[in-house]
Amino acid sequence: MKLPRAVSGAALAKSLQKFGYRATRQTGSHIRLARDTPDQHHITISNHAPIRVGTLSAILSDVALHLKMPKEKLARQLFE
């Protein structure tokens, strides 16, 4: 799946709520997300519009690794 080119940081943070992530704080243009159950995971995303494709790919790779699912499946669930 080709990653979308027009995803903002705020939209990505909202989409990740489906997987149990919640915003814990924001410093400047960065949003810190945390997931507590079943195990802890923290991720920081930039609140830019749009997020660069490489940055988006790295964020999705990190989340997919934590969730133990393929990155393509995660992207489909987030953006379709």
C-alpha atoms as a PDB file:
ATOM      1  CA  MET A   1       0.000   0.000   0.000  1.00  0.00           C
ATOM      2  CA  LYS A   2       1.227   3.455  -0.856  1.00  0.00           C
ATOM      3  CA  LEU A   3       1.260   5.790   2.145  1.00  0.00           C
ATOM      4  CA  PRO A   4      -0.952   8.884   1.961  1.00  0.00           C
ATOM      5  CA  ARG A   5       0.820  12.158   1.278  1.00  0.00           C
ATOM      6  CA  ALA A   6      -1.462  14.568   3.145  1.00  0.00           C
ATOM      7  CA  VAL A   7      -1.624  13.250   6.740  1.00  0.00           C
ATOM      8  CA  SER A   8      -1.166  15.793   9.517  1.00  0.00           C
ATOM      9  CA  GLY A   9       0.298  14.968  12.909  1.00  0.00           C
ATOM     10  CA  ALA A  10      -3.003  15.685  14.647  1.00  0.00           C
ATOM     11  CA  ALA A  11      -4.897  13.380  12.269  1.00  0.00           C
ATOM     12  CA  LEU A  12      -2.356  10.598  12.817  1.00  0.00           C
ATOM     13  CA  ALA A  13      -2.602  10.984  16.598  1.00  0.00           C
ATOM     14  CA  LYS A  14      -6.386  10.751  16.371  1.00  0.00           C
ATOM     15  CA  SER A  15      -6.180   7.669  14.129  1.00  0.00           C
ATOM     16  CA  LEU A  16      -3.811   5.911  16.527  1.00  0.00           C
ATOM     17  CA  GLN A  17      -6.475   6.141  19.255  1.00  0.00           C
ATOM     18  CA  LYS A  18      -8.041   3.073  17.584  1.00  0.00           C
ATOM     19  CA  PHE A  19      -5.075   1.088  18.878  1.00  0.00           C
ATOM     20  CA  GLY A  20      -5.126   2.443  22.431  1.00  0.00           C
ATOM     21  CA  TYR A  21      -2.713   5.369  22.030  1.00  0.00           C
ATOM     22  CA  ARG A  22      -3.537   8.619  23.799  1.00  0.00           C
ATOM     23  CA  ALA A  23      -1.861  12.013  23.802  1.00  0.00           C
ATOM     24  CA  THR A  24       0.032  12.525  27.044  1.00  0.00           C
ATOM     25  CA  ARG A  25       1.641  15.880  26.318  1.00  0.00           C
ATOM     26  CA  GLN A  26       2.590  18.333  23.603  1.00  0.00           C
ATOM     27  CA  THR A  27       5.771  20.352  23.533  1.00  0.00           C
ATOM     28  CA  GLY A  28       6.035  22.820  20.700  1.00  0.00           C
ATOM     29  CA  SER A  29       5.271  21.001  17.471  1.00  0.00           C
ATOM     30  CA  HIS A  30       5.643  17.473  18.866  1.00  0.00           C
ATOM     31  CA  ILE A  31       2.901  15.282  20.322  1.00  0.00           C
ATOM     32  CA  ARG A  32       3.818  12.487  22.726  1.00  0.00           C
ATOM     33  CA  LEU A  33       1.531   9.442  22.588  1.00  0.00           C
ATOM     34  CA  ALA A  34       1.428   6.557  25.049  1.00  0.00           C
ATOM     35  CA  ARG A  35      -0.176   3.144  25.106  1.00  0.00           C
ATOM     36  CA  ASP A  36      -0.493   1.473  28.493  1.00  0.00           C
ATOM     37  CA  THR A  37      -2.207  -1.854  27.863  1.00  0.00           C
ATOM     38  CA  PRO A  38      -1.140  -4.592  27.656  1.00  0.00           C
ATOM     39  CA  ASP A  39       2.393  -3.188  27.765  1.00  0.00           C
ATOM     40  CA  GLN A  40       3.728   0.344  27.660  1.00  0.00           C
ATOM     41  CA  HIS A  41       4.824   2.057  24.461  1.00  0.00           C
ATOM     42  CA  HIS A  42       5.621   5.726  23.820  1.00  0.00           C
ATOM     43  CA  ILE A  43       5.963   7.466  20.492  1.00  0.00           C
ATOM     44  CA  THR A  44       6.548  11.076  19.506  1.00  0.00           C
ATOM     45  CA  ILE A  45       5.077  12.475  16.311  1.00  0.00           C
ATOM     46  CA  SER A  46       5.578  15.886  14.770  1.00  0.00           C
ATOM     47  CA  ASN A  47       2.460  18.008  14.512  1.00  0.00           C
ATOM     48  CA  HIS A  48       3.089  19.192  10.969  1.00  0.00           C
ATOM     49  CA  ALA A  49       0.678  19.283   8.073  1.00  0.00           C
ATOM     50  CA  PRO A  50       1.537  17.165   6.192  1.00  0.00           C
ATOM     51  CA  ILE A  51       4.009  14.807   7.860  1.00  0.00           C
ATOM     52  CA  ARG A  52       6.837  13.847   5.514  1.00  0.00           C
ATOM     53  CA  VAL A  53       6.457  10.404   3.986  1.00  0.00           C
ATOM     54  CA  GLY A  54       9.701   9.073   5.480  1.00  0.00           C
ATOM     55  CA  THR A  55       8.715  10.263   8.942  1.00  0.00           C
ATOM     56  CA  LEU A  56       5.262   8.723   8.579  1.00  0.00           C
ATOM     57  CA  SER A  57       6.806   5.446   7.434  1.00  0.00           C
ATOM     58  CA  ALA A  58       9.153   5.367  10.441  1.00  0.00           C
ATOM     59  CA  ILE A  59       6.297   6.062  12.869  1.00  0.00           C
ATOM     60  CA  LEU A  60       4.151   3.324  11.333  1.00  0.00           C
ATOM     61  CA  SER A  61       7.064   0.874  11.413  1.00  0.00           C
ATOM     62  CA  ASP A  62       7.605   1.531  15.120  1.00  0.00           C
ATOM     63  CA  VAL A  63       3.914   1.140  15.962  1.00  0.00           C
ATOM     64  CA  ALA A  64       3.548  -1.978  13.793  1.00  0.00           C
ATOM     65  CA  LEU A  65       6.552  -3.572  15.465  1.00  0.00           C
ATOM     66  CA  HIS A  66       5.057  -2.906  18.898  1.00  0.00           C
ATOM     67  CA  LEU A  67       1.641  -4.219  17.859  1.00  0.00           C
ATOM     68  CA  LYS A  68       3.256  -7.247  16.149  1.00  0.00           C
ATOM     69  CA  MET A  69       1.469  -6.703  12.852  1.00  0.00           C
ATOM     70  CA  PRO A  70       2.662  -5.941   9.328  1.00  0.00           C
ATOM     71  CA  LYS A  71       3.071  -2.247   8.543  1.00  0.00           C
ATOM     72  CA  GLU A  72       0.830  -2.558   5.463  1.00  0.00           C
ATOM     73  CA  LYS A  73      -2.027  -3.949   7.551  1.00  0.00           C
ATOM     74  CA  LEU A  74      -1.639  -1.129  10.076  1.00  0.00           C
ATOM     75  CA  ALA A  75      -1.648   1.483   7.290  1.00  0.00           C
ATOM     76  CA  ARG A  76      -4.813  -0.015   5.774  1.00  0.00           C
ATOM     77  CA  GLN A  77      -6.603   0.073   9.130  1.00  0.00           C
ATOM     78  CA  LEU A  78      -5.541   3.660   9.777  1.00  0.00           C
ATOM     79  CA  PHE A  79      -6.123   5.249   6.381  1.00  0.00           C
ATOM     80  CA  GLU A  80      -8.905   3.316   4.634  1.00  0.00           C
END
